[in-house]
Amino acid sequence: MSSPSVDLGPRPTLQLLRILQEAVTNAMRHSGARRIAVTGSAGPYGPIRITVRDDGTGLVEGYRRGRGLTSMETRARHLGGALTIATGPDGTCLTLEVPLARANSSG
């Protein structure tokens, strides 16, 4: 039994990759985390959900949103999705949700 495949096309796939790269880079660079977990899921009709969670210090109160977070949010909006960030003393969890434009179950 094969899993359904999702064909997003090259541009949306690249945008998802760039968001994921930035999220992991930010966690490695800024959080002081010892662990970073990346999970992903997609149902046959959506949405695609990617979560990057770290056990670092969390975002400090009044942090200034840099180009990386702004870029991730812009990319998510262009995909019709949303980026949420939950942070606290036990770390940060960034979640990206993108609706599927089309599911391809011929895989």
PDB file of N, CA and C in Angstrom:
ATOM      1  N   MET A   1       0.852  -1.175   0.000  1.00  0.00           N
ATOM      2  CA  MET A   1       0.000   0.000   0.000  1.00  0.00           C
ATOM      3  C   MET A   1       0.895   1.234   0.000  1.00  0.00           C
ATOM      4  N   SER A   2       0.753   2.066  -1.003  1.00  0.00           N
ATOM      5  CA  SER A   2       1.599   3.254  -1.085  1.00  0.00           C
ATOM      6  C   SER A   2       0.888   4.455  -0.479  1.00  0.00           C
ATOM      7  N   SER A   3       1.689   5.370   0.023  1.00  0.00           N
ATOM      8  CA  SER A   3       1.143   6.601   0.587  1.00  0.00           C
ATOM      9  C   SER A   3       0.767   7.552  -0.531  1.00  0.00           C
ATOM     10  N   PRO A   4      -0.296   8.339  -0.331  1.00  0.00           N
ATOM     11  CA  PRO A   4      -0.627   9.325  -1.355  1.00  0.00           C
ATOM     12  C   PRO A   4       0.496  10.345  -1.478  1.00  0.00           C
ATOM     13  N   SER A   5       0.751  10.792  -2.686  1.00  0.00           N
ATOM     14  CA  SER A   5       1.768  11.819  -2.881  1.00  0.00           C
ATOM     15  C   SER A   5       1.084  13.142  -3.172  1.00  0.00           C
ATOM     16  N   VAL A   6       1.787  14.197  -2.876  1.00  0.00           N
ATOM     17  CA  VAL A   6       1.269  15.547  -3.079  1.00  0.00           C
ATOM     18  C   VAL A   6       2.193  16.246  -4.047  1.00  0.00           C
ATOM     19  N   ASP A   7       1.646  16.739  -5.135  1.00  0.00           N
ATOM     20  CA  ASP A   7       2.435  17.458  -6.116  1.00  0.00           C
ATOM     21  C   ASP A   7       2.091  18.939  -6.022  1.00  0.00           C
ATOM     22  N   LEU A   8       2.983  19.711  -5.415  1.00  0.00           N
ATOM     23  CA  LEU A   8       2.752  21.146  -5.257  1.00  0.00           C
ATOM     24  C   LEU A   8       3.302  21.946  -6.418  1.00  0.00           C
ATOM     25  N   GLY A   9       4.211  21.363  -7.147  1.00  0.00           N
ATOM     26  CA  GLY A   9       4.907  22.103  -8.182  1.00  0.00           C
ATOM     27  C   GLY A   9       6.201  22.671  -7.632  1.00  0.00           C
ATOM     28  N   PRO A  10       7.107  23.087  -8.516  1.00  0.00           N
ATOM     29  CA  PRO A  10       8.433  23.505  -8.079  1.00  0.00           C
ATOM     30  C   PRO A  10       8.458  24.791  -7.247  1.00  0.00           C
ATOM     31  N   ARG A  11       7.695  25.794  -7.615  1.00  0.00           N
ATOM     32  CA  ARG A  11       7.761  27.062  -6.871  1.00  0.00           C
ATOM     33  C   ARG A  11       7.246  26.946  -5.444  1.00  0.00           C
ATOM     34  N   PRO A  12       6.037  26.399  -5.214  1.00  0.00           N
ATOM     35  CA  PRO A  12       5.587  26.248  -3.833  1.00  0.00           C
ATOM     36  C   PRO A  12       6.504  25.345  -3.011  1.00  0.00           C
ATOM     37  N   THR A  13       7.033  24.295  -3.636  1.00  0.00           N
ATOM     38  CA  THR A  13       7.944  23.400  -2.933  1.00  0.00           C
ATOM     39  C   THR A  13       9.195  24.155  -2.492  1.00  0.00           C
ATOM     40  N   LEU A  14       9.729  24.983  -3.358  1.00  0.00           N
ATOM     41  CA  LEU A  14      10.903  25.791  -3.016  1.00  0.00           C
ATOM     42  C   LEU A  14      10.582  26.760  -1.878  1.00  0.00           C
ATOM     43  N   GLN A  15       9.399  27.355  -1.898  1.00  0.00           N
ATOM     44  CA  GLN A  15       9.021  28.291  -0.828  1.00  0.00           C
ATOM     45  C   GLN A  15       8.924  27.559   0.517  1.00  0.00           C
ATOM     46  N   LEU A  16       8.345  26.359   0.508  1.00  0.00           N
ATOM     47  CA  LEU A  16       8.282  25.564   1.746  1.00  0.00           C
ATOM     48  C   LEU A  16       9.686  25.236   2.253  1.00  0.00           C
ATOM     49  N   LEU A  17      10.568  24.859   1.336  1.00  0.00           N
ATOM     50  CA  LEU A  17      11.948  24.552   1.708  1.00  0.00           C
ATOM     51  C   LEU A  17      12.631  25.771   2.329  1.00  0.00           C
ATOM     52  N   ARG A  18      12.457  26.939   1.733  1.00  0.00           N
ATOM     53  CA  ARG A  18      13.091  28.164   2.255  1.00  0.00           C
ATOM     54  C   ARG A  18      12.566  28.508   3.645  1.00  0.00           C
ATOM     55  N   ILE A  19      11.272  28.335   3.867  1.00  0.00           N
ATOM     56  CA  ILE A  19      10.709  28.598   5.199  1.00  0.00           C
ATOM     57  C   ILE A  19      11.325  27.637   6.208  1.00  0.00           C
ATOM     58  N   LEU A  20      11.397  26.374   5.850  1.00  0.00           N
ATOM     59  CA  LEU A  20      11.967  25.367   6.742  1.00  0.00           C
ATOM     60  C   LEU A  20      13.437  25.657   7.037  1.00  0.00           C
ATOM     61  N   GLN A  21      14.195  26.009   6.007  1.00  0.00           N
ATOM     62  CA  GLN A  21      15.618  26.342   6.210  1.00  0.00           C
ATOM     63  C   GLN A  21      15.767  27.509   7.181  1.00  0.00           C
ATOM     64  N   GLU A  22      14.984  28.550   6.996  1.00  0.00           N
ATOM     65  CA  GLU A  22      15.087  29.733   7.867  1.00  0.00           C
ATOM     66  C   GLU A  22      14.700  29.392   9.296  1.00  0.00           C
ATOM     67  N   ALA A  23      13.654  28.593   9.465  1.00  0.00           N
ATOM     68  CA  ALA A  23      13.210  28.229  10.810  1.00  0.00           C
ATOM     69  C   ALA A  23      14.279  27.436  11.560  1.00  0.00           C
ATOM     70  N   VAL A  24      14.890  26.470  10.886  1.00  0.00           N
ATOM     71  CA  VAL A  24      15.936  25.667  11.532  1.00  0.00           C
ATOM     72  C   VAL A  24      17.180  26.521  11.792  1.00  0.00           C
ATOM     73  N   THR A  25      17.541  27.356  10.836  1.00  0.00           N
ATOM     74  CA  THR A  25      18.695  28.246  11.011  1.00  0.00           C
ATOM     75  C   THR A  25      18.481  29.170  12.206  1.00  0.00           C
ATOM     76  N   ASN A  26      17.297  29.760  12.314  1.00  0.00           N
ATOM     77  CA  ASN A  26      17.003  30.643  13.453  1.00  0.00           C
ATOM     78  C   ASN A  26      17.120  29.895  14.774  1.00  0.00           C
ATOM     79  N   ALA A  27      16.577  28.693  14.834  1.00  0.00           N
ATOM     80  CA  ALA A  27      16.648  27.913  16.070  1.00  0.00           C
ATOM     81  C   ALA A  27      18.094  27.598  16.429  1.00  0.00           C
ATOM     82  N   MET A  28      18.898  27.232  15.438  1.00  0.00           N
ATOM     83  CA  MET A  28      20.303  26.910  15.704  1.00  0.00           C
ATOM     84  C   MET A  28      21.098  28.138  16.116  1.00  0.00           C
ATOM     85  N   ARG A  29      20.822  29.258  15.498  1.00  0.00           N
ATOM     86  CA  ARG A  29      21.609  30.468  15.698  1.00  0.00           C
ATOM     87  C   ARG A  29      21.238  31.249  16.954  1.00  0.00           C
ATOM     88  N   HIS A  30      19.952  31.302  17.255  1.00  0.00           N
ATOM     89  CA  HIS A  30      19.492  32.258  18.263  1.00  0.00           C
ATOM     90  C   HIS A  30      18.922  31.659  19.544  1.00  0.00           C
ATOM     91  N   SER A  31      18.563  30.378  19.555  1.00  0.00           N
ATOM     92  CA  SER A  31      17.791  29.865  20.682  1.00  0.00           C
ATOM     93  C   SER A  31      18.623  29.305  21.826  1.00  0.00           C
ATOM     94  N   GLY A  32      19.842  28.892  21.525  1.00  0.00           N
ATOM     95  CA  GLY A  32      20.624  28.199  22.552  1.00  0.00           C
ATOM     96  C   GLY A  32      20.074  26.806  22.820  1.00  0.00           C
ATOM     97  N   ALA A  33      19.327  26.277  21.894  1.00  0.00           N
ATOM     98  CA  ALA A  33      18.673  24.979  22.075  1.00  0.00           C
ATOM     99  C   ALA A  33      19.665  23.829  22.027  1.00  0.00           C
ATOM    100  N   ARG A  34      19.330  22.798  22.769  1.00  0.00           N
ATOM    101  CA  ARG A  34      20.077  21.548  22.669  1.00  0.00           C
ATOM    102  C   ARG A  34      19.406  20.609  21.683  1.00  0.00           C
ATOM    103  N   ARG A  35      18.101  20.786  21.494  1.00  0.00           N
ATOM    104  CA  ARG A  35      17.350  19.928  20.577  1.00  0.00           C
ATOM    105  C   ARG A  35      16.420  20.749  19.705  1.00  0.00           C
ATOM    106  N   ILE A  36      16.338  20.341  18.461  1.00  0.00           N
ATOM    107  CA  ILE A  36      15.413  20.936  17.503  1.00  0.00           C
ATOM    108  C   ILE A  36      14.676  19.779  16.841  1.00  0.00           C
ATOM    109  N   ALA A  37      13.357  19.831  16.864  1.00  0.00           N
ATOM    110  CA  ALA A  37      12.547  18.776  16.247  1.00  0.00           C
ATOM    111  C   ALA A  37      11.757  19.373  15.089  1.00  0.00           C
ATOM    112  N   VAL A  38      11.797  18.692  13.952  1.00  0.00           N
ATOM    113  CA  VAL A  38      11.038  19.110  12.780  1.00  0.00           C
ATOM    114  C   VAL A  38      10.048  18.000  12.464  1.00  0.00           C
ATOM    115  N   THR A  39       8.778  18.344  12.376  1.00  0.00           N
ATOM    116  CA  THR A  39       7.756  17.371  12.013  1.00  0.00           C
ATOM    117  C   THR A  39       6.913  17.939  10.875  1.00  0.00           C
ATOM    118  N   GLY A  40       6.373  17.052  10.107  1.00  0.00           N
ATOM    119  CA  GLY A  40       5.528  17.477   9.001  1.00  0.00           C
ATOM    120  C   GLY A  40       4.408  16.486   8.777  1.00  0.00           C
ATOM    121  N   SER A  41       3.297  16.997   8.270  1.00  0.00           N
ATOM    122  CA  SER A  41       2.174  16.125   7.946  1.00  0.00           C
ATOM    123  C   SER A  41       1.346  16.777   6.851  1.00  0.00           C
ATOM    124  N   ALA A  42       0.620  15.942   6.145  1.00  0.00           N
ATOM    125  CA  ALA A  42      -0.320  16.425   5.136  1.00  0.00           C
ATOM    126  C   ALA A  42      -1.359  15.344   4.921  1.00  0.00           C
ATOM    127  N   GLY A  43      -2.605  15.733   5.002  1.00  0.00           N
ATOM    128  CA  GLY A  43      -3.677  14.805   4.680  1.00  0.00           C
ATOM    129  C   GLY A  43      -3.868  14.784   3.176  1.00  0.00           C
ATOM    130  N   PRO A  44      -4.693  13.895   2.670  1.00  0.00           N
ATOM    131  CA  PRO A  44      -4.880  13.812   1.226  1.00  0.00           C
ATOM    132  C   PRO A  44      -5.462  15.094   0.618  1.00  0.00           C
ATOM    133  N   TYR A  45      -6.134  15.887   1.423  1.00  0.00           N
ATOM    134  CA  TYR A  45      -6.724  17.133   0.920  1.00  0.00           C
ATOM    135  C   TYR A  45      -6.248  18.353   1.705  1.00  0.00           C
ATOM    136  N   GLY A  46      -5.250  18.177   2.549  1.00  0.00           N
ATOM    137  CA  GLY A  46      -4.624  19.299   3.221  1.00  0.00           C
ATOM    138  C   GLY A  46      -4.988  19.387   4.673  1.00  0.00           C
ATOM    139  N   PRO A  47      -4.467  20.343   5.357  1.00  0.00           N
ATOM    140  CA  PRO A  47      -3.376  21.211   4.930  1.00  0.00           C
ATOM    141  C   PRO A  47      -2.021  20.540   5.150  1.00  0.00           C
ATOM    142  N   ILE A  48      -1.000  21.142   4.591  1.00  0.00           N
ATOM    143  CA  ILE A  48       0.368  20.751   4.921  1.00  0.00           C
ATOM    144  C   ILE A  48       0.701  21.468   6.220  1.00  0.00           C
ATOM    145  N   ARG A  49       1.235  20.742   7.167  1.00  0.00           N
ATOM    146  CA  ARG A  49       1.626  21.343   8.448  1.00  0.00           C
ATOM    147  C   ARG A  49       3.070  20.964   8.736  1.00  0.00           C
ATOM    148  N   ILE A  50       3.907  21.979   8.948  1.00  0.00           N
ATOM    149  CA  ILE A  50       5.314  21.775   9.302  1.00  0.00           C
ATOM    150  C   ILE A  50       5.553  22.494  10.617  1.00  0.00           C
ATOM    151  N   THR A  51       6.155  21.778  11.568  1.00  0.00           N
ATOM    152  CA  THR A  51       6.431  22.353  12.878  1.00  0.00           C
ATOM    153  C   THR A  51       7.921  22.234  13.173  1.00  0.00           C
ATOM    154  N   VAL A  52       8.494  23.332  13.642  1.00  0.00           N
ATOM    155  CA  VAL A  52       9.886  23.347  14.090  1.00  0.00           C
ATOM    156  C   VAL A  52       9.850  23.778  15.558  1.00  0.00           C
ATOM    157  N   ARG A  53      10.271  22.864  16.428  1.00  0.00           N
ATOM    158  CA  ARG A  53      10.217  23.110  17.877  1.00  0.00           C
ATOM    159  C   ARG A  53      11.625  22.982  18.451  1.00  0.00           C
ATOM    160  N   ASP A  54      11.977  23.935  19.316  1.00  0.00           N
ATOM    161  CA  ASP A  54      13.280  23.843  19.979  1.00  0.00           C
ATOM    162  C   ASP A  54      13.095  23.953  21.486  1.00  0.00           C
ATOM    163  N   ASP A  55      14.125  23.531  22.228  1.00  0.00           N
ATOM    164  CA  ASP A  55      14.079  23.603  23.688  1.00  0.00           C
ATOM    165  C   ASP A  55      14.964  24.747  24.207  1.00  0.00           C
ATOM    166  N   GLY A  56      15.081  25.789  23.423  1.00  0.00           N
ATOM    167  CA  GLY A  56      15.937  26.917  23.775  1.00  0.00           C
ATOM    168  C   GLY A  56      15.273  27.898  24.735  1.00  0.00           C
ATOM    169  N   THR A  57      15.817  29.085  24.769  1.00  0.00           N
ATOM    170  CA  THR A  57      15.398  30.098  25.736  1.00  0.00           C
ATOM    171  C   THR A  57      14.100  30.808  25.367  1.00  0.00           C
ATOM    172  N   GLY A  58      13.631  30.614  24.160  1.00  0.00           N
ATOM    173  CA  GLY A  58      12.422  31.309  23.728  1.00  0.00           C
ATOM    174  C   GLY A  58      12.760  32.730  23.306  1.00  0.00           C
ATOM    175  N   LEU A  59      11.806  33.360  22.660  1.00  0.00           N
ATOM    176  CA  LEU A  59      12.007  34.743  22.231  1.00  0.00           C
ATOM    177  C   LEU A  59      11.873  35.661  23.439  1.00  0.00           C
ATOM    178  N   VAL A  60      12.778  36.599  23.562  1.00  0.00           N
ATOM    179  CA  VAL A  60      12.724  37.524  24.692  1.00  0.00           C
ATOM    180  C   VAL A  60      11.615  38.546  24.459  1.00  0.00           C
ATOM    181  N   GLU A  61      11.023  39.000  25.542  1.00  0.00           N
ATOM    182  CA  GLU A  61       9.958  39.987  25.443  1.00  0.00           C
ATOM    183  C   GLU A  61      10.458  41.228  24.712  1.00  0.00           C
ATOM    184  N   GLY A  62       9.667  41.708  23.787  1.00  0.00           N
ATOM    185  CA  GLY A  62      10.033  42.887  23.021  1.00  0.00           C
ATOM    186  C   GLY A  62      11.041  42.622  21.926  1.00  0.00           C
ATOM    187  N   TYR A  63      11.219  41.339  21.551  1.00  0.00           N
ATOM    188  CA  TYR A  63      12.186  41.026  20.494  1.00  0.00           C
ATOM    189  C   TYR A  63      11.803  41.761  19.211  1.00  0.00           C
ATOM    190  N   ARG A  64      12.814  42.108  18.460  1.00  0.00           N
ATOM    191  CA  ARG A  64      12.590  42.807  17.191  1.00  0.00           C
ATOM    192  C   ARG A  64      12.534  41.782  16.070  1.00  0.00           C
ATOM    193  N   ARG A  65      11.439  41.815  15.342  1.00  0.00           N
ATOM    194  CA  ARG A  65      11.244  40.882  14.235  1.00  0.00           C
ATOM    195  C   ARG A  65      12.243  41.207  13.140  1.00  0.00           C
ATOM    196  N   GLY A  66      13.080  40.244  12.810  1.00  0.00           N
ATOM    197  CA  GLY A  66      14.103  40.456  11.794  1.00  0.00           C
ATOM    198  C   GLY A  66      13.627  40.068  10.409  1.00  0.00           C
ATOM    199  N   ARG A  67      14.542  40.152   9.478  1.00  0.00           N
ATOM    200  CA  ARG A  67      14.217  39.814   8.083  1.00  0.00           C
ATOM    201  C   ARG A  67      13.806  38.359   7.912  1.00  0.00           C
ATOM    202  N   GLY A  68      14.414  37.471   8.703  1.00  0.00           N
ATOM    203  CA  GLY A  68      14.110  36.045   8.572  1.00  0.00           C
ATOM    204  C   GLY A  68      12.656  35.734   8.864  1.00  0.00           C
ATOM    205  N   LEU A  69      12.148  36.192  10.012  1.00  0.00           N
ATOM    206  CA  LEU A  69      10.747  35.945  10.360  1.00  0.00           C
ATOM    207  C   LEU A  69       9.803  36.634   9.383  1.00  0.00           C
ATOM    208  N   THR A  70      10.143  37.857   9.009  1.00  0.00           N
ATOM    209  CA  THR A  70       9.309  38.591   8.051  1.00  0.00           C
ATOM    210  C   THR A  70       9.258  37.856   6.724  1.00  0.00           C
ATOM    211  N   SER A  71      10.388  37.356   6.275  1.00  0.00           N
ATOM    212  CA  SER A  71      10.457  36.610   5.022  1.00  0.00           C
ATOM    213  C   SER A  71       9.627  35.330   5.099  1.00  0.00           C
ATOM    214  N   MET A  72       9.721  34.618   6.212  1.00  0.00           N
ATOM    215  CA  MET A  72       8.936  33.390   6.368  1.00  0.00           C
ATOM    216  C   MET A  72       7.441  33.688   6.322  1.00  0.00           C
ATOM    217  N   GLU A  73       7.020  34.734   7.002  1.00  0.00           N
ATOM    218  CA  GLU A  73       5.599  35.105   6.999  1.00  0.00           C
ATOM    219  C   GLU A  73       5.126  35.494   5.598  1.00  0.00           C
ATOM    220  N   THR A  74       5.946  36.242   4.889  1.00  0.00           N
ATOM    221  CA  THR A  74       5.595  36.650   3.524  1.00  0.00           C
ATOM    222  C   THR A  74       5.470  35.430   2.618  1.00  0.00           C
ATOM    223  N   ARG A  75       6.422  34.501   2.713  1.00  0.00           N
ATOM    224  CA  ARG A  75       6.368  33.286   1.903  1.00  0.00           C
ATOM    225  C   ARG A  75       5.119  32.473   2.230  1.00  0.00           C
ATOM    226  N   ALA A  76       4.800  32.359   3.521  1.00  0.00           N
ATOM    227  CA  ALA A  76       3.607  31.608   3.935  1.00  0.00           C
ATOM    228  C   ALA A  76       2.342  32.240   3.350  1.00  0.00           C
ATOM    229  N   ARG A  77       2.247  33.560   3.406  1.00  0.00           N
ATOM    230  CA  ARG A  77       1.075  34.255   2.842  1.00  0.00           C
ATOM    231  C   ARG A  77       0.968  34.028   1.339  1.00  0.00           C
ATOM    232  N   HIS A  78       2.095  34.068   0.634  1.00  0.00           N
ATOM    233  CA  HIS A  78       2.076  33.825  -0.811  1.00  0.00           C
ATOM    234  C   HIS A  78       1.602  32.418  -1.151  1.00  0.00           C
ATOM    235  N   LEU A  79       1.788  31.495  -0.224  1.00  0.00           N
ATOM    236  CA  LEU A  79       1.311  30.131  -0.415  1.00  0.00           C
ATOM    237  C   LEU A  79      -0.141  29.971   0.043  1.00  0.00           C
ATOM    238  N   GLY A  80      -0.727  31.050   0.560  1.00  0.00           N
ATOM    239  CA  GLY A  80      -2.093  30.982   1.080  1.00  0.00           C
ATOM    240  C   GLY A  80      -2.161  30.417   2.475  1.00  0.00           C
ATOM    241  N   GLY A  81      -1.019  30.357   3.145  1.00  0.00           N
ATOM    242  CA  GLY A  81      -0.943  29.751   4.466  1.00  0.00           C
ATOM    243  C   GLY A  81      -0.689  30.759   5.561  1.00  0.00           C
ATOM    244  N   ALA A  82      -0.352  30.237   6.728  1.00  0.00           N
ATOM    245  CA  ALA A  82      -0.098  31.078   7.891  1.00  0.00           C
ATOM    246  C   ALA A  82       1.040  30.479   8.715  1.00  0.00           C
ATOM    247  N   LEU A  83       1.767  31.365   9.354  1.00  0.00           N
ATOM    248  CA  LEU A  83       2.880  30.994  10.216  1.00  0.00           C
ATOM    249  C   LEU A  83       2.537  31.455  11.620  1.00  0.00           C
ATOM    250  N   THR A  84       2.620  30.558  12.600  1.00  0.00           N
ATOM    251  CA  THR A  84       2.381  30.947  13.987  1.00  0.00           C
ATOM    252  C   THR A  84       3.611  30.613  14.811  1.00  0.00           C
ATOM    253  N   ILE A  85       3.847  31.446  15.822  1.00  0.00           N
ATOM    254  CA  ILE A  85       4.998  31.258  16.700  1.00  0.00           C
ATOM    255  C   ILE A  85       4.507  31.288  18.135  1.00  0.00           C
ATOM    256  N   ALA A  86       4.816  30.223  18.862  1.00  0.00           N
ATOM    257  CA  ALA A  86       4.533  30.160  20.295  1.00  0.00           C
ATOM    258  C   ALA A  86       5.874  30.066  20.994  1.00  0.00           C
ATOM    259  N   THR A  87       6.075  30.910  21.986  1.00  0.00           N
ATOM    260  CA  THR A  87       7.375  30.927  22.651  1.00  0.00           C
ATOM    261  C   THR A  87       7.200  31.067  24.151  1.00  0.00           C
ATOM    262  N   GLY A  88       8.160  30.544  24.867  1.00  0.00           N
ATOM    263  CA  GLY A  88       8.154  30.619  26.318  1.00  0.00           C
ATOM    264  C   GLY A  88       9.499  30.184  26.847  1.00  0.00           C
ATOM    265  N   PRO A  89       9.614  30.056  28.158  1.00  0.00           N
ATOM    266  CA  PRO A  89      10.909  29.710  28.754  1.00  0.00           C
ATOM    267  C   PRO A  89      11.388  28.305  28.390  1.00  0.00           C
ATOM    268  N   ASP A  90      10.472  27.459  27.885  1.00  0.00           N
ATOM    269  CA  ASP A  90      10.852  26.094  27.511  1.00  0.00           C
ATOM    270  C   ASP A  90      11.151  25.951  26.028  1.00  0.00           C
ATOM    271  N   GLY A  91      11.167  27.067  25.301  1.00  0.00           N
ATOM    272  CA  GLY A  91      11.506  26.993  23.892  1.00  0.00           C
ATOM    273  C   GLY A  91      10.497  27.677  22.998  1.00  0.00           C
ATOM    274  N   THR A  92      10.671  27.439  21.715  1.00  0.00           N
ATOM    275  CA  THR A  92       9.838  28.081  20.700  1.00  0.00           C
ATOM    276  C   THR A  92       9.295  27.012  19.767  1.00  0.00           C
ATOM    277  N   CYS A  93       8.060  27.202  19.347  1.00  0.00           N
ATOM    278  CA  CYS A  93       7.433  26.315  18.383  1.00  0.00           C
ATOM    279  C   CYS A  93       6.895  27.165  17.241  1.00  0.00           C
ATOM    280  N   LEU A  94       7.413  26.936  16.062  1.00  0.00           N
ATOM    281  CA  LEU A  94       6.970  27.628  14.867  1.00  0.00           C
ATOM    282  C   LEU A  94       6.156  26.627  14.045  1.00  0.00           C
ATOM    283  N   THR A  95       4.945  27.014  13.670  1.00  0.00           N
ATOM    284  CA  THR A  95       4.080  26.127  12.889  1.00  0.00           C
ATOM    285  C   THR A  95       3.671  26.816  11.605  1.00  0.00           C
ATOM    286  N   LEU A  96       3.857  26.120  10.514  1.00  0.00           N
ATOM    287  CA  LEU A  96       3.444  26.591   9.201  1.00  0.00           C
ATOM    288  C   LEU A  96       2.303  25.701   8.731  1.00  0.00           C
ATOM    289  N   GLU A  97       1.189  26.320   8.342  1.00  0.00           N
ATOM    290  CA  GLU A  97       0.072  25.580   7.757  1.00  0.00           C
ATOM    291  C   GLU A  97      -0.216  26.165   6.389  1.00  0.00           C
ATOM    292  N   VAL A  98      -0.258  25.289   5.394  1.00  0.00           N
ATOM    293  CA  VAL A  98      -0.512  25.691   4.017  1.00  0.00           C
ATOM    294  C   VAL A  98      -1.582  24.780   3.448  1.00  0.00           C
ATOM    295  N   PRO A  99      -2.661  25.343   2.910  1.00  0.00           N
ATOM    296  CA  PRO A  99      -3.680  24.501   2.298  1.00  0.00           C
ATOM    297  C   PRO A  99      -3.157  23.869   1.011  1.00  0.00           C
ATOM    298  N   LEU A 100      -3.619  22.695   0.722  1.00  0.00           N
ATOM    299  CA  LEU A 100      -3.229  22.038  -0.523  1.00  0.00           C
ATOM    300  C   LEU A 100      -4.090  22.568  -1.670  1.00  0.00           C
ATOM    301  N   ALA A 101      -3.442  22.981  -2.719  1.00  0.00           N
ATOM    302  CA  ALA A 101      -4.181  23.417  -3.897  1.00  0.00           C
ATOM    303  C   ALA A 101      -4.732  22.201  -4.620  1.00  0.00           C
ATOM    304  N   ARG A 102      -3.948  21.117  -4.591  1.00  0.00           N
ATOM    305  CA  ARG A 102      -4.353  19.905  -5.296  1.00  0.00           C
ATOM    306  C   ARG A 102      -3.641  18.708  -4.677  1.00  0.00           C
ATOM    307  N   ALA A 103      -4.365  17.658  -4.428  1.00  0.00           N
ATOM    308  CA  ALA A 103      -3.740  16.426  -3.936  1.00  0.00           C
ATOM    309  C   ALA A 103      -3.674  15.431  -5.085  1.00  0.00           C
ATOM    310  N   ASN A 104      -2.552  14.752  -5.163  1.00  0.00           N
ATOM    311  CA  ASN A 104      -2.357  13.772  -6.226  1.00  0.00           C
ATOM    312  C   ASN A 104      -2.163  12.419  -5.566  1.00  0.00           C
ATOM    313  N   SER A 105      -3.130  11.554  -5.683  1.00  0.00           N
ATOM    314  CA  SER A 105      -3.042  10.252  -5.009  1.00  0.00           C
ATOM    315  C   SER A 105      -2.586   9.127  -5.930  1.00  0.00           C
ATOM    316  N   SER A 106      -1.909   9.486  -6.999  1.00  0.00           N
ATOM    317  CA  SER A 106      -1.441   8.438  -7.921  1.00  0.00           C
ATOM    318  C   SER A 106      -0.060   7.915  -7.578  1.00  0.00           C
ATOM    319  N   GLY A 107       0.474   8.301  -6.380  1.00  0.00           N
ATOM    320  CA  GLY A 107       1.838   7.930  -6.040  1.00  0.00           C
ATOM    321  C   GLY A 107       1.951   6.672  -5.417  1.00  0.00           C
TER     322      GLY A 107
END
